[in-house]
Amino acid sequence: MIRTMTAADAGWAAERHASLMPNSVFAAFGPGFLARVYLELARSPRAVAFVDERCGKPCGFIAAAADRRKFLCGLMARHGAALAWAALRGGLANRSCRSLLLQTPRYLIRVPDSAAAELLFIAVSGEYRRSGAARALIARALDTLRERRIARVVVSIETENTAIAAILSGFGFRRIDRFMFAGKWNDVLAKSLEGAQA
């Protein structure tokens, strides 16, 4: 069963993010940082977030910003001080955090947000991979974004993540750019939602 993510899911989603995507940019800043991001994803009208729940427990999630600029503005307005403190602590304790902070503008420039939503996070627990959970989550997110009259969706993935690339390709996503971020190549994929069905 796929359901809307709630504020009560923020801690779980942050923990799953940290364990399933330990090398991601957001995970580098720690669980407190992640929990605030997921709290905003669950509450913001500028985001869509869903949880796949099976046998009474969550097994995966997807989160997208329908309008990245407005979502980030809301995130900073409500959690800016706490996020800045977490980023500062992470930067002081971890050299890679400092490097990530310096590279963030490059990411924001390379992943376009004009008239496009952005799929931010997709994660499925290991025992549920190859069960169709990722496809179901992506389909639900795309349907919701289409209902909101979003014209286009973009997503940035690590080039070496061929499994998610294949799934996204099946939905009609195509690579529009490739760039280096955090020491790894990343692909920017895009899909038009106008007149299409997921």
N, C-alpha and C. Protein backbone atom coordinates (compact mmCIF):
# COMPACT_ATOMS: atom_id res chain seq x y z
N MET A 1 0.84 -1.17 0.00
CA MET A 1 0.00 0.00 0.00
C MET A 1 0.89 1.25 0.00
N ILE A 2 0.62 2.14 -0.91
CA ILE A 2 1.37 3.40 -0.94
C ILE A 2 0.51 4.47 -0.31
N ARG A 3 1.10 5.19 0.63
CA ARG A 3 0.37 6.25 1.33
C ARG A 3 1.22 7.51 1.36
N THR A 4 0.57 8.61 1.67
CA THR A 4 1.28 9.89 1.79
C THR A 4 2.18 9.87 3.02
N MET A 5 3.38 10.38 2.88
CA MET A 5 4.29 10.50 4.02
C MET A 5 3.73 11.52 5.00
N THR A 6 3.83 11.22 6.29
CA THR A 6 3.37 12.14 7.33
C THR A 6 4.56 12.61 8.16
N ALA A 7 4.32 13.60 8.99
CA ALA A 7 5.38 14.11 9.87
C ALA A 7 5.91 13.01 10.77
N ALA A 8 5.06 12.06 11.14
CA ALA A 8 5.48 10.95 12.00
C ALA A 8 6.49 10.03 11.30
N ASP A 9 6.56 10.10 9.98
CA ASP A 9 7.51 9.28 9.21
C ASP A 9 8.90 9.91 9.10
N ALA A 10 9.04 11.18 9.52
CA ALA A 10 10.29 11.91 9.27
C ALA A 10 11.51 11.21 9.88
N GLY A 11 11.39 10.78 11.12
CA GLY A 11 12.52 10.11 11.77
C GLY A 11 12.89 8.81 11.09
N TRP A 12 11.87 8.01 10.74
CA TRP A 12 12.11 6.74 10.06
C TRP A 12 12.75 6.99 8.69
N ALA A 13 12.21 7.95 7.92
CA ALA A 13 12.76 8.24 6.60
C ALA A 13 14.21 8.71 6.70
N ALA A 14 14.51 9.53 7.71
CA ALA A 14 15.88 10.00 7.91
C ALA A 14 16.81 8.84 8.22
N GLU A 15 16.37 7.92 9.06
CA GLU A 15 17.20 6.76 9.42
C GLU A 15 17.41 5.87 8.20
N ARG A 16 16.34 5.63 7.43
CA ARG A 16 16.44 4.81 6.22
C ARG A 16 17.36 5.47 5.20
N HIS A 17 17.22 6.79 5.05
CA HIS A 17 18.09 7.53 4.12
C HIS A 17 19.55 7.34 4.52
N ALA A 18 19.84 7.54 5.80
CA ALA A 18 21.23 7.43 6.28
C ALA A 18 21.79 6.03 6.07
N SER A 19 20.96 4.99 6.26
CA SER A 19 21.47 3.63 6.13
C SER A 19 21.49 3.14 4.68
N LEU A 20 20.51 3.56 3.86
CA LEU A 20 20.45 3.09 2.48
C LEU A 20 21.26 3.96 1.52
N MET A 21 21.46 5.23 1.90
CA MET A 21 22.22 6.15 1.04
C MET A 21 23.30 6.85 1.87
N PRO A 22 24.21 6.09 2.49
CA PRO A 22 25.19 6.70 3.41
C PRO A 22 26.14 7.68 2.75
N ASN A 23 26.34 7.58 1.44
CA ASN A 23 27.26 8.47 0.74
C ASN A 23 26.57 9.67 0.13
N SER A 24 25.27 9.82 0.39
CA SER A 24 24.56 10.95 -0.19
C SER A 24 24.95 12.24 0.52
N VAL A 25 24.73 13.35 -0.17
CA VAL A 25 25.10 14.65 0.36
C VAL A 25 24.39 14.92 1.69
N PHE A 26 23.09 14.70 1.75
CA PHE A 26 22.34 15.02 2.96
C PHE A 26 22.74 14.13 4.14
N ALA A 27 23.06 12.87 3.88
CA ALA A 27 23.45 11.97 4.95
C ALA A 27 24.72 12.43 5.65
N ALA A 28 25.58 13.13 4.93
CA ALA A 28 26.84 13.59 5.51
C ALA A 28 26.62 14.55 6.67
N PHE A 29 25.47 15.22 6.70
CA PHE A 29 25.21 16.21 7.74
C PHE A 29 24.51 15.64 8.97
N GLY A 30 24.23 14.36 8.96
CA GLY A 30 23.73 13.71 10.15
C GLY A 30 22.23 13.54 10.22
N PRO A 31 21.76 12.72 11.17
CA PRO A 31 20.35 12.37 11.27
C PRO A 31 19.44 13.55 11.63
N GLY A 32 19.93 14.47 12.43
CA GLY A 32 19.10 15.63 12.78
C GLY A 32 18.79 16.49 11.57
N PHE A 33 19.78 16.68 10.74
CA PHE A 33 19.61 17.43 9.50
C PHE A 33 18.59 16.73 8.60
N LEU A 34 18.78 15.43 8.41
CA LEU A 34 17.87 14.65 7.56
C LEU A 34 16.44 14.66 8.08
N ALA A 35 16.27 14.52 9.40
CA ALA A 35 14.92 14.48 9.96
C ALA A 35 14.17 15.78 9.68
N ARG A 36 14.86 16.91 9.74
CA ARG A 36 14.20 18.19 9.45
C ARG A 36 13.83 18.31 7.98
N VAL A 37 14.69 17.81 7.11
CA VAL A 37 14.38 17.83 5.68
C VAL A 37 13.14 16.98 5.41
N TYR A 38 13.08 15.78 5.98
CA TYR A 38 11.91 14.92 5.75
C TYR A 38 10.65 15.45 6.41
N LEU A 39 10.79 16.12 7.53
CA LEU A 39 9.63 16.75 8.16
C LEU A 39 9.04 17.79 7.20
N GLU A 40 9.90 18.58 6.58
CA GLU A 40 9.43 19.59 5.63
C GLU A 40 8.85 18.94 4.37
N LEU A 41 9.46 17.85 3.91
CA LEU A 41 8.93 17.15 2.74
C LEU A 41 7.52 16.61 3.01
N ALA A 42 7.28 16.15 4.23
CA ALA A 42 5.97 15.62 4.60
C ALA A 42 4.92 16.72 4.75
N ARG A 43 5.34 17.91 5.15
CA ARG A 43 4.39 18.99 5.45
C ARG A 43 4.21 20.02 4.35
N SER A 44 5.19 20.19 3.49
CA SER A 44 5.18 21.29 2.54
C SER A 44 4.20 21.08 1.39
N PRO A 45 3.43 22.12 1.05
CA PRO A 45 2.57 22.02 -0.15
C PRO A 45 3.40 22.06 -1.43
N ARG A 46 4.69 22.37 -1.33
CA ARG A 46 5.59 22.42 -2.49
C ARG A 46 6.32 21.11 -2.70
N ALA A 47 5.92 20.06 -1.98
CA ALA A 47 6.58 18.76 -2.09
C ALA A 47 5.53 17.65 -2.17
N VAL A 48 5.94 16.52 -2.67
CA VAL A 48 5.14 15.30 -2.60
C VAL A 48 6.04 14.21 -2.05
N ALA A 49 5.51 13.42 -1.14
CA ALA A 49 6.31 12.35 -0.53
C ALA A 49 5.37 11.20 -0.19
N PHE A 50 5.81 9.99 -0.53
CA PHE A 50 5.00 8.80 -0.32
C PHE A 50 5.83 7.70 0.32
N VAL A 51 5.14 6.82 1.04
CA VAL A 51 5.75 5.67 1.70
C VAL A 51 5.07 4.41 1.16
N ASP A 52 5.87 3.41 0.82
CA ASP A 52 5.33 2.09 0.45
C ASP A 52 5.34 1.26 1.72
N GLU A 53 4.16 0.82 2.14
CA GLU A 53 4.03 0.05 3.38
C GLU A 53 3.55 -1.36 3.04
N ARG A 54 4.27 -2.36 3.51
CA ARG A 54 3.91 -3.75 3.26
C ARG A 54 3.96 -4.52 4.56
N CYS A 55 2.97 -5.38 4.75
CA CYS A 55 2.88 -6.18 5.98
C CYS A 55 2.92 -5.29 7.22
N GLY A 56 2.33 -4.11 7.11
CA GLY A 56 2.24 -3.20 8.26
C GLY A 56 3.49 -2.42 8.57
N LYS A 57 4.52 -2.51 7.71
CA LYS A 57 5.72 -1.72 7.99
C LYS A 57 6.21 -1.05 6.71
N PRO A 58 6.80 0.14 6.85
CA PRO A 58 7.29 0.84 5.66
C PRO A 58 8.50 0.14 5.07
N CYS A 59 8.53 0.08 3.73
CA CYS A 59 9.67 -0.59 3.09
C CYS A 59 10.39 0.33 2.12
N GLY A 60 9.80 1.49 1.79
CA GLY A 60 10.45 2.41 0.88
C GLY A 60 9.74 3.74 0.84
N PHE A 61 10.39 4.72 0.21
CA PHE A 61 9.77 6.03 0.11
C PHE A 61 10.30 6.77 -1.11
N ILE A 62 9.56 7.79 -1.48
CA ILE A 62 9.98 8.71 -2.55
C ILE A 62 9.60 10.11 -2.11
N ALA A 63 10.43 11.08 -2.45
CA ALA A 63 10.14 12.48 -2.13
C ALA A 63 10.54 13.34 -3.32
N ALA A 64 9.71 14.32 -3.61
CA ALA A 64 9.97 15.22 -4.74
C ALA A 64 9.58 16.63 -4.35
N ALA A 65 10.28 17.59 -4.92
CA ALA A 65 9.92 19.00 -4.77
C ALA A 65 9.18 19.42 -6.03
N ALA A 66 7.92 19.82 -5.86
CA ALA A 66 7.14 20.27 -7.01
C ALA A 66 7.66 21.61 -7.52
N ASP A 67 8.22 22.39 -6.62
CA ASP A 67 8.86 23.67 -6.95
C ASP A 67 10.06 23.79 -6.03
N ARG A 68 11.25 23.46 -6.55
CA ARG A 68 12.44 23.37 -5.69
C ARG A 68 12.76 24.68 -5.00
N ARG A 69 12.70 25.80 -5.73
CA ARG A 69 13.05 27.08 -5.13
C ARG A 69 12.12 27.40 -3.96
N LYS A 70 10.82 27.25 -4.16
CA LYS A 70 9.87 27.56 -3.08
C LYS A 70 9.98 26.55 -1.94
N PHE A 71 10.23 25.28 -2.28
CA PHE A 71 10.42 24.29 -1.22
C PHE A 71 11.63 24.64 -0.36
N LEU A 72 12.75 24.97 -1.00
CA LEU A 72 13.96 25.32 -0.25
C LEU A 72 13.76 26.59 0.59
N CYS A 73 13.02 27.55 0.04
CA CYS A 73 12.73 28.77 0.82
C CYS A 73 11.92 28.43 2.06
N GLY A 74 10.92 27.56 1.91
CA GLY A 74 10.12 27.15 3.07
C GLY A 74 10.93 26.36 4.08
N LEU A 75 11.79 25.48 3.58
CA LEU A 75 12.67 24.70 4.46
C LEU A 75 13.56 25.62 5.28
N MET A 76 14.14 26.62 4.63
CA MET A 76 15.03 27.55 5.34
C MET A 76 14.24 28.44 6.30
N ALA A 77 13.04 28.85 5.91
CA ALA A 77 12.24 29.71 6.78
C ALA A 77 11.87 29.00 8.07
N ARG A 78 11.54 27.71 7.98
CA ARG A 78 11.09 26.98 9.16
C ARG A 78 12.21 26.28 9.92
N HIS A 79 13.27 25.90 9.23
CA HIS A 79 14.32 25.09 9.88
C HIS A 79 15.72 25.65 9.65
N GLY A 80 15.82 26.86 9.10
CA GLY A 80 17.12 27.40 8.70
C GLY A 80 18.18 27.39 9.77
N ALA A 81 17.84 27.87 10.96
CA ALA A 81 18.84 27.95 12.03
C ALA A 81 19.33 26.56 12.42
N ALA A 82 18.40 25.61 12.56
CA ALA A 82 18.79 24.24 12.95
C ALA A 82 19.60 23.58 11.84
N LEU A 83 19.22 23.81 10.59
CA LEU A 83 19.96 23.23 9.48
C LEU A 83 21.36 23.84 9.37
N ALA A 84 21.44 25.14 9.56
CA ALA A 84 22.74 25.81 9.50
C ALA A 84 23.65 25.29 10.61
N TRP A 85 23.08 25.11 11.79
CA TRP A 85 23.87 24.58 12.92
C TRP A 85 24.36 23.16 12.61
N ALA A 86 23.47 22.31 12.06
CA ALA A 86 23.86 20.94 11.72
C ALA A 86 24.93 20.95 10.63
N ALA A 87 24.79 21.83 9.63
CA ALA A 87 25.78 21.91 8.56
C ALA A 87 27.12 22.41 9.10
N LEU A 88 27.07 23.39 10.00
CA LEU A 88 28.30 23.91 10.60
C LEU A 88 29.01 22.83 11.41
N ARG A 89 28.26 22.12 12.25
CA ARG A 89 28.84 21.03 13.03
C ARG A 89 29.43 19.96 12.12
N GLY A 90 28.67 19.61 11.07
CA GLY A 90 29.17 18.61 10.13
C GLY A 90 30.41 19.09 9.42
N GLY A 91 30.43 20.36 9.04
CA GLY A 91 31.59 20.93 8.35
C GLY A 91 32.82 20.98 9.21
N LEU A 92 32.63 21.26 10.50
CA LEU A 92 33.77 21.30 11.42
C LEU A 92 34.30 19.90 11.71
N ALA A 93 33.38 18.94 11.81
CA ALA A 93 33.78 17.58 12.18
C ALA A 93 34.21 16.74 10.98
N ASN A 94 33.77 17.11 9.80
CA ASN A 94 33.96 16.24 8.65
C ASN A 94 34.39 17.07 7.45
N ARG A 95 35.58 16.82 6.98
CA ARG A 95 36.12 17.60 5.85
C ARG A 95 35.27 17.44 4.59
N SER A 96 34.68 16.24 4.41
CA SER A 96 33.86 16.02 3.22
C SER A 96 32.61 16.90 3.24
N CYS A 97 32.10 17.23 4.43
CA CYS A 97 30.94 18.12 4.52
C CYS A 97 31.30 19.51 4.00
N ARG A 98 32.49 19.99 4.33
CA ARG A 98 32.92 21.30 3.84
C ARG A 98 32.98 21.30 2.32
N SER A 99 33.53 20.22 1.76
CA SER A 99 33.63 20.10 0.32
C SER A 99 32.24 20.08 -0.33
N LEU A 100 31.30 19.35 0.28
CA LEU A 100 29.94 19.27 -0.26
C LEU A 100 29.26 20.64 -0.25
N LEU A 101 29.45 21.38 0.84
CA LEU A 101 28.84 22.71 0.92
C LEU A 101 29.36 23.61 -0.20
N LEU A 102 30.66 23.52 -0.48
CA LEU A 102 31.24 24.35 -1.53
C LEU A 102 30.76 23.94 -2.93
N GLN A 103 30.41 22.67 -3.10
CA GLN A 103 29.98 22.18 -4.40
C GLN A 103 28.47 22.34 -4.65
N THR A 104 27.70 22.66 -3.61
CA THR A 104 26.25 22.74 -3.74
C THR A 104 25.79 23.71 -4.83
N PRO A 105 26.40 24.90 -4.96
CA PRO A 105 25.96 25.79 -6.05
C PRO A 105 26.08 25.14 -7.43
N ARG A 106 27.11 24.32 -7.65
CA ARG A 106 27.27 23.63 -8.93
C ARG A 106 26.07 22.72 -9.19
N TYR A 107 25.65 21.99 -8.15
CA TYR A 107 24.48 21.11 -8.29
C TYR A 107 23.23 21.92 -8.63
N LEU A 108 23.00 23.01 -7.92
CA LEU A 108 21.80 23.81 -8.14
C LEU A 108 21.76 24.40 -9.54
N ILE A 109 22.92 24.70 -10.10
CA ILE A 109 22.99 25.25 -11.46
C ILE A 109 22.78 24.14 -12.50
N ARG A 110 23.35 22.95 -12.27
CA ARG A 110 23.30 21.89 -13.27
C ARG A 110 21.96 21.17 -13.31
N VAL A 111 21.21 21.17 -12.22
CA VAL A 111 19.91 20.51 -12.20
C VAL A 111 18.85 21.60 -12.32
N PRO A 112 18.27 21.78 -13.51
CA PRO A 112 17.35 22.90 -13.73
C PRO A 112 16.07 22.75 -12.92
N ASP A 113 15.49 23.88 -12.54
CA ASP A 113 14.23 23.81 -11.80
C ASP A 113 13.14 24.67 -12.40
N SER A 114 13.41 25.30 -13.52
CA SER A 114 12.42 26.15 -14.15
C SER A 114 11.31 25.29 -14.75
N ALA A 115 10.09 25.47 -14.24
CA ALA A 115 8.90 24.73 -14.70
C ALA A 115 9.05 23.22 -14.52
N ALA A 116 9.94 22.79 -13.64
CA ALA A 116 10.15 21.35 -13.45
C ALA A 116 10.10 21.00 -11.97
N ALA A 117 9.54 19.84 -11.70
CA ALA A 117 9.64 19.26 -10.36
C ALA A 117 10.94 18.47 -10.32
N GLU A 118 11.40 18.15 -9.11
CA GLU A 118 12.62 17.34 -8.99
C GLU A 118 12.38 16.18 -8.05
N LEU A 119 12.62 14.96 -8.55
CA LEU A 119 12.62 13.80 -7.68
C LEU A 119 13.89 13.88 -6.84
N LEU A 120 13.74 13.96 -5.54
CA LEU A 120 14.90 14.16 -4.67
C LEU A 120 15.46 12.86 -4.12
N PHE A 121 14.59 12.02 -3.57
CA PHE A 121 15.05 10.80 -2.90
C PHE A 121 14.14 9.64 -3.24
N ILE A 122 14.73 8.51 -3.58
CA ILE A 122 14.00 7.25 -3.78
C ILE A 122 14.81 6.20 -3.03
N ALA A 123 14.18 5.49 -2.11
CA ALA A 123 14.90 4.45 -1.37
C ALA A 123 13.96 3.30 -1.06
N VAL A 124 14.46 2.07 -1.23
CA VAL A 124 13.70 0.86 -0.91
C VAL A 124 14.61 -0.06 -0.11
N SER A 125 14.11 -0.58 1.00
CA SER A 125 14.89 -1.50 1.83
C SER A 125 15.30 -2.72 1.02
N GLY A 126 16.48 -3.26 1.34
CA GLY A 126 17.07 -4.35 0.58
C GLY A 126 16.16 -5.53 0.34
N GLU A 127 15.42 -5.96 1.34
CA GLU A 127 14.58 -7.16 1.19
C GLU A 127 13.39 -6.94 0.26
N TYR A 128 13.11 -5.66 -0.07
CA TYR A 128 11.98 -5.37 -0.95
C TYR A 128 12.43 -4.91 -2.34
N ARG A 129 13.72 -4.92 -2.59
CA ARG A 129 14.19 -4.58 -3.92
C ARG A 129 13.77 -5.68 -4.90
N ARG A 130 13.52 -5.31 -6.12
CA ARG A 130 13.02 -6.20 -7.16
C ARG A 130 11.60 -6.67 -6.89
N SER A 131 10.89 -5.96 -6.01
CA SER A 131 9.49 -6.32 -5.71
C SER A 131 8.51 -5.40 -6.44
N GLY A 132 9.04 -4.42 -7.15
CA GLY A 132 8.18 -3.44 -7.81
C GLY A 132 7.91 -2.21 -6.97
N ALA A 133 8.50 -2.15 -5.76
CA ALA A 133 8.25 -1.02 -4.86
C ALA A 133 8.73 0.29 -5.47
N ALA A 134 9.94 0.32 -6.02
CA ALA A 134 10.46 1.56 -6.60
C ALA A 134 9.58 2.03 -7.76
N ARG A 135 9.18 1.10 -8.61
CA ARG A 135 8.31 1.48 -9.74
C ARG A 135 6.98 2.04 -9.25
N ALA A 136 6.40 1.40 -8.25
CA ALA A 136 5.11 1.86 -7.73
C ALA A 136 5.24 3.25 -7.12
N LEU A 137 6.32 3.50 -6.41
CA LEU A 137 6.53 4.81 -5.79
C LEU A 137 6.73 5.89 -6.85
N ILE A 138 7.52 5.59 -7.87
CA ILE A 138 7.76 6.56 -8.94
C ILE A 138 6.46 6.86 -9.68
N ALA A 139 5.70 5.82 -9.98
CA ALA A 139 4.42 6.02 -10.68
C ALA A 139 3.49 6.91 -9.88
N ARG A 140 3.42 6.68 -8.57
CA ARG A 140 2.54 7.50 -7.72
C ARG A 140 3.00 8.96 -7.70
N ALA A 141 4.31 9.17 -7.57
CA ALA A 141 4.83 10.54 -7.55
C ALA A 141 4.57 11.23 -8.87
N LEU A 142 4.80 10.55 -9.99
CA LEU A 142 4.58 11.16 -11.31
C LEU A 142 3.10 11.49 -11.52
N ASP A 143 2.22 10.59 -11.11
CA ASP A 143 0.78 10.85 -11.24
C ASP A 143 0.38 12.09 -10.44
N THR A 144 0.90 12.21 -9.23
CA THR A 144 0.57 13.35 -8.37
C THR A 144 1.10 14.65 -8.96
N LEU A 145 2.33 14.62 -9.47
CA LEU A 145 2.90 15.82 -10.08
C LEU A 145 2.12 16.20 -11.34
N ARG A 146 1.70 15.21 -12.11
CA ARG A 146 0.89 15.49 -13.30
C ARG A 146 -0.44 16.14 -12.90
N GLU A 147 -1.05 15.64 -11.82
CA GLU A 147 -2.30 16.23 -11.33
C GLU A 147 -2.11 17.69 -10.93
N ARG A 148 -0.91 18.01 -10.49
CA ARG A 148 -0.61 19.40 -10.11
C ARG A 148 -0.21 20.25 -11.32
N ARG A 149 -0.32 19.69 -12.50
CA ARG A 149 -0.03 20.37 -13.76
C ARG A 149 1.45 20.77 -13.89
N ILE A 150 2.33 19.93 -13.36
CA ILE A 150 3.77 20.11 -13.53
C ILE A 150 4.12 19.68 -14.95
N ALA A 151 4.89 20.49 -15.66
CA ALA A 151 5.20 20.21 -17.06
C ALA A 151 6.31 19.18 -17.24
N ARG A 152 7.27 19.16 -16.29
CA ARG A 152 8.46 18.35 -16.50
C ARG A 152 9.02 17.93 -15.14
N VAL A 153 9.69 16.79 -15.13
CA VAL A 153 10.33 16.29 -13.91
C VAL A 153 11.79 16.01 -14.22
N VAL A 154 12.67 16.40 -13.31
CA VAL A 154 14.09 16.08 -13.44
C VAL A 154 14.52 15.28 -12.21
N VAL A 155 15.60 14.55 -12.36
CA VAL A 155 16.19 13.80 -11.25
C VAL A 155 17.68 13.69 -11.51
N SER A 156 18.46 13.78 -10.45
CA SER A 156 19.91 13.59 -10.53
C SER A 156 20.26 12.29 -9.83
N ILE A 157 20.96 11.41 -10.54
CA ILE A 157 21.37 10.13 -9.95
C ILE A 157 22.85 9.90 -10.23
N GLU A 158 23.49 9.12 -9.37
CA GLU A 158 24.88 8.76 -9.63
C GLU A 158 24.92 7.90 -10.88
N THR A 159 25.83 8.19 -11.77
CA THR A 159 25.94 7.48 -13.05
C THR A 159 26.07 5.98 -12.84
N GLU A 160 26.76 5.57 -11.78
CA GLU A 160 26.97 4.14 -11.55
C GLU A 160 25.72 3.42 -11.03
N ASN A 161 24.67 4.17 -10.69
CA ASN A 161 23.44 3.55 -10.18
C ASN A 161 22.58 3.10 -11.36
N THR A 162 23.01 2.02 -12.00
CA THR A 162 22.35 1.56 -13.21
C THR A 162 20.96 0.97 -12.93
N ALA A 163 20.73 0.46 -11.73
CA ALA A 163 19.43 -0.13 -11.42
C ALA A 163 18.33 0.93 -11.46
N ILE A 164 18.52 2.04 -10.78
CA ILE A 164 17.49 3.08 -10.78
C ILE A 164 17.43 3.76 -12.14
N ALA A 165 18.56 3.85 -12.83
CA ALA A 165 18.57 4.44 -14.18
C ALA A 165 17.68 3.62 -15.11
N ALA A 166 17.73 2.29 -15.01
CA ALA A 166 16.91 1.42 -15.86
C ALA A 166 15.42 1.61 -15.54
N ILE A 167 15.10 1.71 -14.27
CA ILE A 167 13.69 1.92 -13.88
C ILE A 167 13.19 3.25 -14.41
N LEU A 168 13.98 4.30 -14.22
CA LEU A 168 13.57 5.63 -14.69
C LEU A 168 13.46 5.67 -16.22
N SER A 169 14.35 4.97 -16.90
CA SER A 169 14.28 4.89 -18.35
C SER A 169 12.96 4.26 -18.79
N GLY A 170 12.49 3.27 -18.05
CA GLY A 170 11.22 2.63 -18.35
C GLY A 170 10.04 3.58 -18.23
N PHE A 171 10.20 4.64 -17.46
CA PHE A 171 9.15 5.66 -17.32
C PHE A 171 9.32 6.77 -18.37
N GLY A 172 10.36 6.68 -19.19
CA GLY A 172 10.56 7.68 -20.23
C GLY A 172 11.54 8.78 -19.87
N PHE A 173 12.26 8.64 -18.76
CA PHE A 173 13.30 9.62 -18.43
C PHE A 173 14.47 9.45 -19.39
N ARG A 174 15.05 10.59 -19.81
CA ARG A 174 16.21 10.58 -20.69
C ARG A 174 17.28 11.50 -20.13
N ARG A 175 18.55 11.11 -20.33
CA ARG A 175 19.65 11.92 -19.79
C ARG A 175 19.77 13.23 -20.57
N ILE A 176 19.87 14.33 -19.81
CA ILE A 176 20.05 15.64 -20.44
C ILE A 176 21.38 16.28 -20.06
N ASP A 177 22.07 15.73 -19.06
CA ASP A 177 23.34 16.33 -18.63
C ASP A 177 24.09 15.32 -17.78
N ARG A 178 25.39 15.52 -17.64
CA ARG A 178 26.24 14.73 -16.75
C ARG A 178 27.24 15.69 -16.12
N PHE A 179 27.45 15.56 -14.81
CA PHE A 179 28.39 16.45 -14.14
C PHE A 179 29.02 15.73 -12.96
N MET A 180 30.18 16.25 -12.53
CA MET A 180 30.89 15.69 -11.39
C MET A 180 30.41 16.37 -10.12
N PHE A 181 30.04 15.58 -9.11
CA PHE A 181 29.64 16.13 -7.81
C PHE A 181 30.08 15.16 -6.74
N ALA A 182 30.69 15.68 -5.70
CA ALA A 182 31.16 14.87 -4.56
C ALA A 182 32.04 13.71 -5.02
N GLY A 183 32.87 13.98 -6.04
CA GLY A 183 33.82 12.98 -6.50
C GLY A 183 33.22 11.89 -7.37
N LYS A 184 31.94 12.03 -7.76
CA LYS A 184 31.30 11.01 -8.58
C LYS A 184 30.57 11.66 -9.74
N TRP A 185 30.48 10.92 -10.86
CA TRP A 185 29.70 11.41 -11.98
C TRP A 185 28.22 11.24 -11.67
N ASN A 186 27.46 12.25 -12.02
CA ASN A 186 26.01 12.24 -11.83
C ASN A 186 25.34 12.53 -13.16
N ASP A 187 24.23 11.85 -13.41
CA ASP A 187 23.43 12.10 -14.61
C ASP A 187 22.18 12.86 -14.20
N VAL A 188 21.80 13.84 -15.01
CA VAL A 188 20.53 14.53 -14.85
C VAL A 188 19.59 13.94 -15.89
N LEU A 189 18.48 13.38 -15.42
CA LEU A 189 17.47 12.80 -16.30
C LEU A 189 16.22 13.67 -16.26
N ALA A 190 15.50 13.69 -17.37
CA ALA A 190 14.28 14.51 -17.43
C ALA A 190 13.18 13.75 -18.15
N LYS A 191 11.95 14.12 -17.81
CA LYS A 191 10.76 13.53 -18.44
C LYS A 191 9.68 14.60 -18.53
N SER A 192 9.05 14.69 -19.69
CA SER A 192 7.91 15.59 -19.85
C SER A 192 6.67 14.91 -19.29
N LEU A 193 5.84 15.66 -18.58
CA LEU A 193 4.59 15.11 -18.05
C LEU A 193 3.38 15.58 -18.85
N GLU A 194 3.59 16.46 -19.79
CA GLU A 194 2.48 17.02 -20.56
C GLU A 194 1.93 15.96 -21.52
N GLY A 195 0.67 15.65 -21.34
CA GLY A 195 -0.02 14.71 -22.23
C GLY A 195 0.45 13.28 -22.13
N ALA A 196 1.20 12.93 -21.05
CA ALA A 196 1.70 11.56 -20.91
C ALA A 196 1.06 10.89 -19.71
N GLN A 197 0.99 9.60 -19.75
CA GLN A 197 0.53 8.81 -18.61
C GLN A 197 1.68 7.96 -18.12
N ALA A 198 1.84 7.86 -16.79
CA ALA A 198 2.93 7.07 -16.23
C ALA A 198 2.67 5.59 -16.40
